[in-house]
N, C-alpha and C. Protein backbone atom coordinates (compact mmCIF):
# COMPACT_ATOMS: atom_id res chain seq x y z
N MET A 1 -188.38 45.73 207.49
CA MET A 1 -188.52 46.96 208.24
C MET A 1 -188.77 48.17 207.32
N ARG A 2 -188.09 48.17 206.20
CA ARG A 2 -188.23 49.27 205.25
C ARG A 2 -189.64 49.31 204.66
N HIS A 3 -190.23 48.14 204.38
CA HIS A 3 -191.58 48.05 203.83
C HIS A 3 -192.61 48.54 204.84
N VAL A 4 -192.34 48.28 206.11
CA VAL A 4 -193.26 48.71 207.16
C VAL A 4 -193.30 50.23 207.23
N ARG A 5 -192.15 50.88 207.11
CA ARG A 5 -192.10 52.34 207.14
C ARG A 5 -192.81 52.94 205.93
N ARG A 6 -192.62 52.34 204.77
CA ARG A 6 -193.31 52.83 203.57
C ARG A 6 -194.81 52.68 203.70
N LEU A 7 -195.23 51.55 204.22
CA LEU A 7 -196.66 51.32 204.43
C LEU A 7 -197.22 52.32 205.43
N ARG A 8 -196.45 52.55 206.53
CA ARG A 8 -196.88 53.52 207.55
C ARG A 8 -196.98 54.90 206.94
N ASP A 9 -196.00 55.31 206.13
CA ASP A 9 -196.01 56.62 205.49
C ASP A 9 -197.19 56.74 204.52
N LEU A 10 -197.48 55.67 203.78
CA LEU A 10 -198.61 55.68 202.86
C LEU A 10 -199.93 55.84 203.61
N VAL A 11 -200.09 55.09 204.68
CA VAL A 11 -201.32 55.17 205.48
C VAL A 11 -201.45 56.56 206.09
N LEU A 12 -200.36 57.10 206.60
CA LEU A 12 -200.38 58.44 207.20
C LEU A 12 -200.73 59.49 206.14
N GLY A 13 -200.14 59.37 204.97
CA GLY A 13 -200.45 60.31 203.88
C GLY A 13 -201.90 60.25 203.47
N LEU A 14 -202.44 59.04 203.34
CA LEU A 14 -203.86 58.90 202.99
C LEU A 14 -204.77 59.46 204.08
N ALA A 15 -204.39 59.27 205.33
CA ALA A 15 -205.18 59.80 206.44
C ALA A 15 -205.20 61.32 206.42
N ILE A 16 -204.04 61.93 206.14
CA ILE A 16 -203.96 63.39 206.06
C ILE A 16 -204.79 63.90 204.89
N LEU A 17 -204.73 63.22 203.74
CA LEU A 17 -205.53 63.60 202.58
C LEU A 17 -207.02 63.51 202.89
N ALA A 18 -207.44 62.42 203.53
CA ALA A 18 -208.85 62.26 203.88
C ALA A 18 -209.30 63.36 204.84
N LEU A 19 -208.47 63.70 205.80
CA LEU A 19 -208.80 64.76 206.75
C LEU A 19 -208.92 66.10 206.03
N ALA A 20 -208.01 66.38 205.11
CA ALA A 20 -208.08 67.64 204.35
C ALA A 20 -209.37 67.71 203.53
N LEU A 21 -209.75 66.59 202.90
CA LEU A 21 -210.99 66.58 202.12
C LEU A 21 -212.21 66.79 203.01
N LEU A 22 -212.21 66.22 204.20
CA LEU A 22 -213.32 66.44 205.14
C LEU A 22 -213.41 67.90 205.56
N VAL A 23 -212.27 68.53 205.80
CA VAL A 23 -212.27 69.94 206.19
C VAL A 23 -212.81 70.80 205.05
N ILE A 24 -212.37 70.52 203.82
CA ILE A 24 -212.86 71.27 202.65
C ILE A 24 -214.37 71.09 202.50
N ALA A 25 -214.85 69.85 202.63
CA ALA A 25 -216.28 69.59 202.51
C ALA A 25 -217.06 70.33 203.59
N LYS A 26 -216.53 70.35 204.79
CA LYS A 26 -217.20 71.04 205.90
C LYS A 26 -217.26 72.54 205.63
N LEU A 27 -216.17 73.12 205.16
CA LEU A 27 -216.16 74.56 204.86
C LEU A 27 -217.14 74.89 203.74
N GLU A 28 -217.17 74.07 202.70
CA GLU A 28 -218.10 74.31 201.59
C GLU A 28 -219.54 74.20 202.07
N ASN A 29 -219.80 73.23 202.91
CA ASN A 29 -221.15 73.03 203.43
C ASN A 29 -221.59 74.22 204.28
N GLU A 30 -220.67 74.82 205.03
CA GLU A 30 -221.02 75.97 205.85
C GLU A 30 -221.30 77.21 205.01
N GLN A 31 -220.71 77.29 203.81
CA GLN A 31 -220.92 78.44 202.94
C GLN A 31 -222.21 78.31 202.12
N ALA A 32 -222.82 77.16 202.14
CA ALA A 32 -224.02 76.94 201.34
C ALA A 32 -225.17 77.81 201.87
N LEU A 33 -225.94 78.35 200.92
CA LEU A 33 -227.17 79.06 201.29
C LEU A 33 -228.25 77.99 201.51
N ARG A 34 -229.02 78.12 202.57
CA ARG A 34 -230.03 77.12 202.91
C ARG A 34 -231.41 77.76 202.98
N PHE A 35 -232.39 77.00 202.50
CA PHE A 35 -233.78 77.46 202.53
C PHE A 35 -234.64 76.29 202.99
N SER A 36 -235.59 76.60 203.85
CA SER A 36 -236.55 75.58 204.27
C SER A 36 -237.87 76.27 204.57
N GLY A 37 -238.89 75.46 204.79
CA GLY A 37 -240.20 76.03 205.06
C GLY A 37 -241.05 76.06 203.82
N SER A 38 -241.63 77.21 203.55
CA SER A 38 -242.56 77.36 202.44
C SER A 38 -241.83 77.75 201.15
N PHE A 39 -242.16 77.05 200.06
CA PHE A 39 -241.58 77.35 198.75
C PHE A 39 -242.71 77.68 197.78
N SER A 40 -242.44 78.60 196.87
CA SER A 40 -243.34 78.84 195.75
C SER A 40 -242.76 78.08 194.56
N VAL A 41 -243.63 77.47 193.77
CA VAL A 41 -243.18 76.72 192.61
C VAL A 41 -243.33 77.59 191.37
N ILE A 42 -242.22 77.79 190.66
CA ILE A 42 -242.21 78.60 189.44
C ILE A 42 -242.55 77.71 188.25
N ASP A 43 -241.82 76.61 188.11
CA ASP A 43 -242.08 75.62 187.06
C ASP A 43 -241.61 74.26 187.57
N GLY A 44 -241.43 73.31 186.70
CA GLY A 44 -241.14 71.95 187.14
C GLY A 44 -239.79 71.71 187.76
N ASP A 45 -238.87 72.68 187.66
CA ASP A 45 -237.55 72.51 188.27
C ASP A 45 -237.04 73.76 188.98
N THR A 46 -237.92 74.72 189.21
CA THR A 46 -237.52 75.97 189.85
C THR A 46 -238.48 76.33 190.97
N LEU A 47 -237.89 76.66 192.12
CA LEU A 47 -238.63 77.10 193.30
C LEU A 47 -238.26 78.54 193.61
N SER A 48 -239.03 79.14 194.49
CA SER A 48 -238.72 80.47 194.98
C SER A 48 -238.90 80.45 196.50
N ALA A 49 -237.94 81.06 197.18
CA ALA A 49 -238.04 81.17 198.64
C ALA A 49 -237.29 82.43 199.08
N ASP A 50 -237.91 83.21 199.92
CA ASP A 50 -237.30 84.43 200.45
C ASP A 50 -236.73 85.32 199.35
N GLY A 51 -237.45 85.44 198.23
CA GLY A 51 -237.02 86.29 197.14
C GLY A 51 -235.90 85.72 196.28
N GLU A 52 -235.52 84.52 196.52
CA GLU A 52 -234.43 83.87 195.79
C GLU A 52 -235.00 82.78 194.89
N ARG A 53 -234.56 82.74 193.64
CA ARG A 53 -234.96 81.65 192.73
C ARG A 53 -234.00 80.49 192.90
N LEU A 54 -234.57 79.30 193.08
CA LEU A 54 -233.79 78.10 193.34
C LEU A 54 -234.01 77.09 192.22
N ARG A 55 -232.95 76.74 191.51
CA ARG A 55 -233.02 75.77 190.41
C ARG A 55 -232.55 74.43 190.95
N ILE A 56 -233.41 73.42 190.91
CA ILE A 56 -233.04 72.10 191.42
C ILE A 56 -231.98 71.51 190.50
N GLU A 57 -230.84 71.23 191.07
CA GLU A 57 -229.69 70.77 190.30
C GLU A 57 -229.87 69.31 189.87
N GLY A 58 -229.45 69.02 188.65
CA GLY A 58 -229.44 67.65 188.18
C GLY A 58 -230.70 67.18 187.49
N ILE A 59 -231.67 68.08 187.30
CA ILE A 59 -232.90 67.71 186.61
C ILE A 59 -233.23 68.76 185.54
N ASP A 60 -234.06 68.38 184.60
CA ASP A 60 -234.55 69.32 183.60
C ASP A 60 -236.01 68.99 183.36
N ALA A 61 -236.88 69.95 183.62
CA ALA A 61 -238.32 69.75 183.49
C ALA A 61 -238.81 70.25 182.14
N PRO A 62 -239.86 69.62 181.61
CA PRO A 62 -240.48 70.18 180.41
C PRO A 62 -240.90 71.62 180.68
N GLU A 63 -240.79 72.46 179.67
CA GLU A 63 -241.19 73.86 179.81
C GLU A 63 -242.69 73.96 180.01
N LEU A 64 -243.14 75.02 180.65
CA LEU A 64 -244.56 75.17 180.96
C LEU A 64 -245.43 75.10 179.72
N SER A 65 -244.96 75.60 178.59
CA SER A 65 -245.77 75.57 177.37
C SER A 65 -245.50 74.32 176.52
N GLN A 66 -244.68 73.42 177.02
CA GLN A 66 -244.34 72.22 176.25
C GLN A 66 -245.49 71.21 176.26
N ILE A 67 -245.79 70.68 175.09
CA ILE A 67 -246.84 69.68 174.94
C ILE A 67 -246.19 68.33 174.61
N CYS A 68 -246.65 67.29 175.29
CA CYS A 68 -246.16 65.93 175.06
C CYS A 68 -247.33 65.08 174.59
N LYS A 69 -247.03 63.85 174.17
CA LYS A 69 -248.09 62.93 173.76
C LYS A 69 -248.21 61.81 174.79
N ALA A 70 -249.45 61.55 175.19
CA ALA A 70 -249.72 60.45 176.11
C ALA A 70 -249.59 59.13 175.35
N ALA A 71 -249.68 58.03 176.06
CA ALA A 71 -249.55 56.71 175.45
C ALA A 71 -250.56 56.50 174.33
N ASP A 72 -251.76 57.09 174.47
CA ASP A 72 -252.80 56.93 173.44
C ASP A 72 -252.64 57.95 172.30
N GLY A 73 -251.57 58.77 172.36
CA GLY A 73 -251.32 59.75 171.30
C GLY A 73 -251.95 61.11 171.54
N SER A 74 -252.75 61.23 172.57
CA SER A 74 -253.39 62.52 172.83
C SER A 74 -252.39 63.50 173.46
N PRO A 75 -252.49 64.78 173.08
CA PRO A 75 -251.56 65.78 173.62
C PRO A 75 -251.93 66.15 175.06
N TYR A 76 -250.91 66.46 175.84
CA TYR A 76 -251.15 66.96 177.19
C TYR A 76 -250.02 67.91 177.57
N ALA A 77 -250.29 68.77 178.51
CA ALA A 77 -249.33 69.79 178.94
C ALA A 77 -248.37 69.20 179.97
N CYS A 78 -247.30 68.58 179.47
CA CYS A 78 -246.37 67.91 180.38
C CYS A 78 -245.59 68.90 181.24
N GLY A 79 -245.37 70.13 180.76
CA GLY A 79 -244.71 71.14 181.58
C GLY A 79 -245.56 71.52 182.78
N GLU A 80 -246.85 71.65 182.55
CA GLU A 80 -247.78 71.93 183.66
C GLU A 80 -247.83 70.74 184.63
N ASP A 81 -247.80 69.51 184.08
CA ASP A 81 -247.78 68.32 184.93
C ASP A 81 -246.55 68.31 185.83
N ALA A 82 -245.40 68.70 185.28
CA ALA A 82 -244.16 68.73 186.06
C ALA A 82 -244.28 69.75 187.20
N ARG A 83 -244.88 70.92 186.89
CA ARG A 83 -245.06 71.93 187.94
C ARG A 83 -246.00 71.41 189.02
N ARG A 84 -247.08 70.73 188.62
CA ARG A 84 -248.02 70.18 189.62
C ARG A 84 -247.33 69.13 190.48
N ALA A 85 -246.49 68.29 189.88
CA ALA A 85 -245.79 67.26 190.64
C ALA A 85 -244.85 67.89 191.68
N LEU A 86 -244.12 68.93 191.27
CA LEU A 86 -243.22 69.61 192.21
C LEU A 86 -244.02 70.29 193.32
N THR A 87 -245.14 70.91 192.95
CA THR A 87 -246.00 71.56 193.95
C THR A 87 -246.49 70.55 194.98
N ALA A 88 -246.93 69.39 194.51
CA ALA A 88 -247.43 68.36 195.43
C ALA A 88 -246.33 67.89 196.40
N LEU A 89 -245.12 67.77 195.91
CA LEU A 89 -244.04 67.29 196.76
C LEU A 89 -243.61 68.32 197.80
N VAL A 90 -243.52 69.60 197.41
CA VAL A 90 -243.04 70.60 198.38
C VAL A 90 -244.14 71.16 199.25
N SER A 91 -245.41 70.91 198.90
CA SER A 91 -246.50 71.47 199.71
C SER A 91 -246.57 70.82 201.09
N GLY A 92 -246.06 69.61 201.21
CA GLY A 92 -246.05 68.95 202.51
C GLY A 92 -244.98 69.47 203.44
N ARG A 93 -244.17 70.37 202.93
CA ARG A 93 -243.07 71.00 203.67
C ARG A 93 -242.03 69.97 204.09
N GLY A 94 -241.10 70.40 204.90
CA GLY A 94 -240.08 69.51 205.40
C GLY A 94 -238.82 69.43 204.55
N PHE A 95 -238.84 70.01 203.35
CA PHE A 95 -237.64 69.98 202.52
C PHE A 95 -236.71 71.12 202.90
N GLU A 96 -235.41 70.84 202.86
CA GLU A 96 -234.40 71.87 203.01
C GLU A 96 -233.57 71.87 201.73
N CYS A 97 -233.43 73.04 201.13
CA CYS A 97 -232.66 73.19 199.90
C CYS A 97 -231.40 73.97 200.20
N SER A 98 -230.28 73.50 199.66
CA SER A 98 -229.03 74.21 199.88
C SER A 98 -228.18 74.18 198.62
N GLY A 99 -227.40 75.22 198.44
CA GLY A 99 -226.53 75.30 197.28
C GLY A 99 -225.50 76.39 197.42
N THR A 100 -224.45 76.30 196.59
CA THR A 100 -223.37 77.29 196.63
C THR A 100 -223.12 77.93 195.27
N ARG A 101 -223.59 77.31 194.19
CA ARG A 101 -223.31 77.82 192.84
C ARG A 101 -224.57 78.37 192.19
N ARG A 102 -224.36 79.17 191.15
CA ARG A 102 -225.48 79.74 190.40
C ARG A 102 -225.39 79.34 188.94
N ASP A 103 -226.57 79.28 188.29
CA ASP A 103 -226.58 78.98 186.86
C ASP A 103 -226.43 80.28 186.07
N ARG A 104 -226.46 80.19 184.75
CA ARG A 104 -226.22 81.37 183.92
C ARG A 104 -227.32 82.42 184.03
N TYR A 105 -228.46 82.05 184.61
CA TYR A 105 -229.56 83.00 184.81
C TYR A 105 -229.57 83.59 186.22
N GLY A 106 -228.56 83.25 187.01
CA GLY A 106 -228.46 83.77 188.37
C GLY A 106 -229.22 83.00 189.42
N ARG A 107 -229.85 81.89 189.02
CA ARG A 107 -230.58 81.08 190.00
C ARG A 107 -229.60 80.25 190.82
N LEU A 108 -229.88 80.11 192.09
CA LEU A 108 -229.05 79.28 192.96
C LEU A 108 -229.32 77.81 192.64
N LEU A 109 -228.28 77.05 192.33
CA LEU A 109 -228.41 75.62 192.07
C LEU A 109 -228.46 74.90 193.41
N VAL A 110 -229.54 74.16 193.64
CA VAL A 110 -229.75 73.56 194.96
C VAL A 110 -230.03 72.07 194.86
N VAL A 111 -229.75 71.40 195.96
CA VAL A 111 -230.19 70.04 196.20
C VAL A 111 -231.14 70.14 197.38
N CYS A 112 -232.32 69.54 197.24
CA CYS A 112 -233.35 69.63 198.28
C CYS A 112 -233.57 68.26 198.89
N LYS A 113 -233.52 68.20 200.21
CA LYS A 113 -233.68 66.92 200.90
C LYS A 113 -234.69 67.05 202.03
N ARG A 114 -235.34 65.93 202.28
CA ARG A 114 -236.22 65.78 203.45
C ARG A 114 -235.87 64.41 204.01
N GLY A 115 -235.07 64.40 205.05
CA GLY A 115 -234.56 63.13 205.56
C GLY A 115 -233.70 62.49 204.48
N LEU A 116 -234.05 61.27 204.09
CA LEU A 116 -233.31 60.58 203.04
C LEU A 116 -233.87 60.85 201.65
N ASP A 117 -235.03 61.51 201.58
CA ASP A 117 -235.65 61.81 200.29
C ASP A 117 -234.95 62.98 199.61
N ASP A 118 -234.59 62.78 198.35
CA ASP A 118 -233.98 63.82 197.53
C ASP A 118 -235.04 64.26 196.52
N LEU A 119 -235.40 65.53 196.55
CA LEU A 119 -236.49 66.05 195.72
C LEU A 119 -236.25 65.80 194.23
N GLY A 120 -235.06 66.07 193.75
CA GLY A 120 -234.74 65.84 192.34
C GLY A 120 -234.92 64.38 191.97
N ASP A 121 -234.45 63.49 192.81
CA ASP A 121 -234.57 62.06 192.54
C ASP A 121 -236.03 61.63 192.52
N LEU A 122 -236.84 62.14 193.43
CA LEU A 122 -238.27 61.80 193.46
C LEU A 122 -238.96 62.23 192.16
N LEU A 123 -238.62 63.41 191.66
CA LEU A 123 -239.23 63.90 190.43
C LEU A 123 -238.81 63.07 189.22
N VAL A 124 -237.53 62.67 189.18
CA VAL A 124 -237.04 61.85 188.07
C VAL A 124 -237.68 60.47 188.12
N ARG A 125 -237.74 59.86 189.30
CA ARG A 125 -238.34 58.52 189.45
C ARG A 125 -239.82 58.50 189.04
N ALA A 126 -240.51 59.62 189.29
CA ALA A 126 -241.93 59.71 188.93
C ALA A 126 -242.12 59.96 187.44
N GLY A 127 -241.03 60.26 186.74
CA GLY A 127 -241.14 60.55 185.31
C GLY A 127 -241.69 61.94 185.03
N SER A 128 -241.63 62.82 186.01
CA SER A 128 -242.11 64.19 185.83
C SER A 128 -241.07 65.04 185.12
N VAL A 129 -239.79 64.71 185.30
CA VAL A 129 -238.67 65.45 184.73
C VAL A 129 -237.64 64.45 184.22
N VAL A 130 -236.64 64.94 183.50
CA VAL A 130 -235.54 64.09 183.06
C VAL A 130 -234.30 64.43 183.87
N ALA A 131 -233.38 63.47 183.92
CA ALA A 131 -232.11 63.70 184.59
C ALA A 131 -231.23 64.58 183.72
N ASP A 132 -230.44 65.41 184.37
CA ASP A 132 -229.54 66.29 183.66
C ASP A 132 -228.19 66.27 184.38
N GLY A 133 -227.46 65.17 184.17
CA GLY A 133 -226.15 65.02 184.79
C GLY A 133 -226.17 64.34 186.14
N ARG A 134 -227.31 64.16 186.69
CA ARG A 134 -227.47 63.51 187.99
C ARG A 134 -228.71 62.63 187.89
N TYR A 135 -228.85 61.68 188.72
CA TYR A 135 -230.05 60.83 188.77
C TYR A 135 -230.25 59.99 187.50
N LEU A 136 -229.18 59.68 186.79
CA LEU A 136 -229.31 58.93 185.54
C LEU A 136 -229.87 57.53 185.77
N ALA A 137 -229.48 56.88 186.86
CA ALA A 137 -230.00 55.55 187.16
C ALA A 137 -231.51 55.62 187.43
N SER A 138 -231.94 56.66 188.11
CA SER A 138 -233.38 56.82 188.38
C SER A 138 -234.15 57.08 187.10
N GLU A 139 -233.54 57.83 186.16
CA GLU A 139 -234.20 58.06 184.88
C GLU A 139 -234.35 56.75 184.11
N THR A 140 -233.33 55.92 184.15
CA THR A 140 -233.40 54.62 183.47
C THR A 140 -234.53 53.78 184.04
N GLU A 141 -234.67 53.78 185.36
CA GLU A 141 -235.75 53.04 186.01
C GLU A 141 -237.12 53.58 185.60
N ALA A 142 -237.26 54.91 185.59
CA ALA A 142 -238.54 55.53 185.22
C ALA A 142 -238.89 55.20 183.77
N ARG A 143 -237.88 55.24 182.90
CA ARG A 143 -238.11 54.94 181.47
C ARG A 143 -238.56 53.49 181.31
N ARG A 144 -237.87 52.58 181.98
CA ARG A 144 -238.22 51.15 181.87
C ARG A 144 -239.61 50.87 182.42
N ALA A 145 -239.98 51.58 183.48
CA ALA A 145 -241.29 51.37 184.11
C ALA A 145 -242.40 52.14 183.39
N GLY A 146 -242.03 53.02 182.46
CA GLY A 146 -243.04 53.81 181.75
C GLY A 146 -243.71 54.82 182.64
N GLU A 147 -242.95 55.45 183.52
CA GLU A 147 -243.50 56.45 184.45
C GLU A 147 -243.63 57.81 183.77
N GLY A 148 -244.66 58.55 184.10
CA GLY A 148 -244.82 59.94 183.68
C GLY A 148 -244.64 60.14 182.19
N ILE A 149 -243.73 61.03 181.83
CA ILE A 149 -243.51 61.37 180.42
C ILE A 149 -243.01 60.18 179.61
N TRP A 150 -242.47 59.17 180.28
CA TRP A 150 -241.95 58.00 179.58
C TRP A 150 -243.07 57.08 179.09
N ARG A 151 -244.32 57.35 179.47
CA ARG A 151 -245.45 56.55 178.97
C ARG A 151 -245.74 56.83 177.51
N GLY A 152 -245.46 58.04 177.08
CA GLY A 152 -245.79 58.44 175.71
C GLY A 152 -244.56 58.94 174.98
N GLU A 153 -244.75 60.02 174.23
CA GLU A 153 -243.67 60.61 173.46
C GLU A 153 -243.45 62.05 173.90
N PHE A 154 -242.19 62.45 173.91
CA PHE A 154 -241.86 63.84 174.27
C PHE A 154 -240.48 64.17 173.74
N GLU A 155 -240.24 65.48 173.62
CA GLU A 155 -238.91 65.98 173.31
C GLU A 155 -238.24 66.29 174.64
N ARG A 156 -236.97 65.94 174.75
CA ARG A 156 -236.24 66.32 175.97
C ARG A 156 -236.32 67.84 176.07
N PRO A 157 -236.49 68.37 177.27
CA PRO A 157 -236.67 69.82 177.43
C PRO A 157 -235.58 70.67 176.76
N ALA A 158 -234.33 70.27 176.86
CA ALA A 158 -233.24 71.04 176.24
C ALA A 158 -233.40 71.07 174.72
N ASP A 159 -233.79 69.93 174.14
CA ASP A 159 -234.01 69.88 172.69
C ASP A 159 -235.20 70.75 172.29
N TRP A 160 -236.26 70.70 173.10
CA TRP A 160 -237.45 71.50 172.83
C TRP A 160 -237.11 72.99 172.85
N ARG A 161 -236.34 73.42 173.86
CA ARG A 161 -235.95 74.83 173.95
C ARG A 161 -235.08 75.23 172.76
N ARG A 162 -234.14 74.38 172.40
CA ARG A 162 -233.25 74.67 171.27
C ARG A 162 -234.05 74.84 169.98
N GLN A 163 -235.03 73.96 169.77
CA GLN A 163 -235.86 74.05 168.57
C GLN A 163 -236.67 75.35 168.55
N ARG A 164 -237.19 75.77 169.69
CA ARG A 164 -237.94 77.02 169.77
C ARG A 164 -237.04 78.21 169.45
N GLN A 165 -235.79 78.17 169.92
CA GLN A 165 -234.85 79.26 169.64
C GLN A 165 -234.56 79.34 168.15
N ILE A 166 -234.40 78.20 167.50
CA ILE A 166 -234.15 78.17 166.05
C ILE A 166 -235.35 78.74 165.31
N GLU A 167 -236.56 78.30 165.69
CA GLU A 167 -237.77 78.79 165.04
C GLU A 167 -237.92 80.29 165.23
N GLU A 168 -237.62 80.76 166.43
CA GLU A 168 -237.72 82.19 166.71
C GLU A 168 -236.72 82.98 165.88
N ALA A 169 -235.50 82.47 165.76
CA ALA A 169 -234.47 83.15 164.96
C ALA A 169 -234.88 83.19 163.49
N GLU A 170 -235.44 82.08 162.99
CA GLU A 170 -235.88 82.05 161.60
C GLU A 170 -237.01 83.04 161.36
N LEU A 171 -237.95 83.10 162.28
CA LEU A 171 -239.06 84.03 162.15
C LEU A 171 -238.56 85.47 162.20
N THR A 172 -237.65 85.75 163.11
CA THR A 172 -237.09 87.10 163.21
C THR A 172 -236.38 87.48 161.92
N GLY A 173 -235.60 86.55 161.38
CA GLY A 173 -234.91 86.82 160.12
C GLY A 173 -235.88 87.06 158.98
N TRP A 174 -236.94 86.30 158.92
CA TRP A 174 -237.93 86.45 157.88
C TRP A 174 -238.62 87.81 157.99
N VAL A 175 -239.00 88.19 159.20
CA VAL A 175 -239.67 89.47 159.42
C VAL A 175 -238.74 90.62 159.06
N GLU A 176 -237.46 90.53 159.46
CA GLU A 176 -236.51 91.58 159.14
C GLU A 176 -236.34 91.72 157.63
N ALA A 177 -236.24 90.58 156.93
CA ALA A 177 -236.07 90.62 155.47
C ALA A 177 -237.30 91.24 154.81
N LEU A 178 -238.49 90.83 155.24
CA LEU A 178 -239.72 91.36 154.68
C LEU A 178 -239.85 92.85 154.97
N LEU A 179 -239.53 93.24 156.17
CA LEU A 179 -239.63 94.63 156.56
C LEU A 179 -238.66 95.50 155.77
N SER A 180 -237.43 95.02 155.59
CA SER A 180 -236.45 95.82 154.84
C SER A 180 -236.88 95.95 153.38
N ARG A 181 -237.43 94.89 152.79
CA ARG A 181 -237.92 94.98 151.41
C ARG A 181 -239.08 95.97 151.31
N TRP A 182 -239.97 95.90 152.26
CA TRP A 182 -241.13 96.78 152.26
C TRP A 182 -240.69 98.23 152.39
N LEU A 183 -239.75 98.49 153.32
CA LEU A 183 -239.27 99.85 153.53
C LEU A 183 -238.54 100.40 152.31
N THR A 184 -237.70 99.57 151.68
CA THR A 184 -236.98 100.05 150.50
C THR A 184 -237.93 100.24 149.32
N HIS A 185 -238.99 99.47 149.24
CA HIS A 185 -239.97 99.59 148.16
C HIS A 185 -240.77 100.89 148.30
N TRP A 186 -241.16 101.21 149.51
CA TRP A 186 -242.03 102.37 149.72
C TRP A 186 -241.26 103.66 150.00
N PHE A 187 -240.03 103.55 150.38
CA PHE A 187 -239.30 104.79 150.71
C PHE A 187 -238.09 104.84 149.88
C-alpha cells in the first residue's frame, strides 16, 4: 500500500511538472515576434521584414565577400551563393519566422517554418551554410554527400571573420606606427 502511494505521488508530481512546462512553453510562444509574407534577403543567414532584421538561428552563412574553392579548385563567391539559395527558398513565400531573443547586433533570432520545412535545416542540408549549434546532423549529411560548400574547400564563416579581424587589426597597427613615425620625423 505504501509503494502505491509513493508511485501515485510520483506520477502526480511528474504530471504537474509537465503541465507547468507546457504553460511556460505556451507563454513563451505567445511572446514571440512573428513575421510572414514577403522577406528581403540581406545575406545567407539574415532576412528583413517590416523594418526588422531577422537572423536565422542555428546557422552560419559564408560572408558575402567570402571566396571558396570549388571541387576543381576554381574560386567562387560562396557568400553570394548562400544569399541566392536563401532568396530562392523564401521567394516562394509561405514561411513564418518567429523568435524571442536578439543577437549582439540587435537582430531578432528566428526559426522559420513552412509546414514541416525548417528554413535553417533546408539551407544546411543543401550545403549553402554551416550549422551553428543546431542542425548538426544535417550538416554531417551534407558533408558526407558533398553538397554545396562541402564539394570543395572553404573556411568556416566564423573562422573567416576572425581572420579578417586579425588582418584588419594588424593593418591598423602598421598604419598607426608608420603615421606616428612620419609625424615625429617631420614635426
